[in-house]
Protein backbone atom coordinates (compact mmCIF):
# COMPACT_ATOMS: atom_id res chain seq x y z
CA MET A 1 -13.46 5.75 3.55
CA ASN A 2 -14.62 7.93 0.17
CA GLU A 3 -16.10 6.57 -2.74
CA ASP A 4 -13.83 6.11 -5.26
CA MET A 5 -12.14 3.52 -2.92
CA LEU A 6 -14.68 1.60 -2.83
CA ASP A 7 -15.01 2.56 -6.76
CA ASP A 8 -11.29 0.85 -7.50
CA GLN A 9 -12.15 -1.73 -5.11
CA ARG A 10 -14.96 -3.10 -7.32
CA ARG A 11 -13.38 -2.58 -10.19
CA LEU A 12 -10.56 -4.76 -9.24
CA VAL A 13 -13.23 -7.46 -8.35
CA GLU A 14 -14.01 -6.93 -11.73
CA LEU A 15 -11.23 -7.23 -13.39
CA ILE A 16 -9.84 -10.49 -11.39
CA GLU A 17 -13.44 -12.04 -11.75
CA ALA A 18 -13.27 -11.34 -15.74
CA GLU A 19 -10.47 -13.40 -15.46
CA GLY A 20 -11.55 -16.85 -14.37
CA TRP A 21 -10.89 -16.09 -10.68
CA GLU A 22 -13.48 -16.71 -7.46
CA VAL A 23 -12.27 -13.66 -4.99
CA SER A 24 -13.37 -15.38 -1.74
CA ASP A 25 -12.43 -12.06 0.84
CA LEU A 26 -11.60 -8.89 -0.01
CA GLU A 27 -10.23 -6.58 2.33
CA LEU A 28 -9.91 -2.60 1.87
CA SER A 29 -7.58 -0.40 4.28
CA ALA A 30 -7.44 3.22 4.30
CA TYR A 31 -5.09 4.85 6.03
CA ASP A 32 -3.05 8.63 6.19
CA SER A 33 0.47 7.85 4.89
CA PRO A 34 2.97 8.29 7.64
CA TRP A 35 5.58 8.59 4.71
CA SER A 36 3.92 11.29 2.97
CA ASP A 37 3.10 15.16 4.18
CA GLU A 38 0.38 15.06 1.54
CA ASP A 39 -3.39 14.74 3.33
CA ASP A 40 -4.74 12.54 0.76
CA PRO A 41 -5.12 8.72 2.27
CA GLU A 42 -3.90 5.62 0.94
CA ALA A 43 -5.58 2.30 0.72
CA THR A 44 -4.10 -1.11 0.40
CA VAL A 45 -5.59 -4.46 -1.10
CA THR A 46 -5.68 -7.59 -0.02
CA VAL A 47 -7.64 -10.07 -2.29
CA THR A 48 -8.00 -14.17 -1.70
CA ALA A 49 -8.93 -15.64 -4.78
CA ARG A 50 -8.78 -19.13 -6.06
CA LYS A 51 -9.22 -20.39 -9.50
CA PRO A 52 -9.38 -24.48 -10.22
CA TYR A 53 -7.13 -25.64 -12.92
CA GLU A 54 -8.34 -28.71 -15.16
CA ARG A 55 -5.60 -31.57 -15.24
CA SER A 56 -4.40 -31.38 -19.07
CA ASP A 57 -3.65 -35.27 -20.80
CA GLY A 58 -0.47 -34.81 -20.27
CA ASP A 59 0.19 -34.50 -15.94
CA GLU A 60 -0.13 -37.29 -14.85
CA ASP A 61 -1.50 -38.37 -11.49
CA ASP A 62 1.73 -37.58 -8.88
CA GLU A 63 -0.19 -37.95 -5.90
CA ASP A 64 2.16 -41.04 -4.91
CA GLU A 65 5.18 -39.40 -5.27
CA ASN A 66 4.66 -36.71 -2.92
CA PRO A 67 6.45 -37.26 0.33
CA PHE A 68 4.67 -35.25 1.92
CA ARG A 69 1.08 -36.58 1.16
CA LEU A 70 -0.33 -39.06 4.21
CA LYS A 71 -1.36 -42.39 2.75
């Protein structure tokens, strides 16, 4: 894994957090592409993040209407 990949990872986290998300897990996988003849490595990023949303005044409490919720 090279430094450019790590810099990009940090930048992605900064962008996500700037939008109000809390990053709880991030996985960066570096590999050589099996579909390309080039020697340049590629990377994939998997991000797990959460963002709570406040319920607006117009939203009703629909807990009782959910048929899948255990009572």
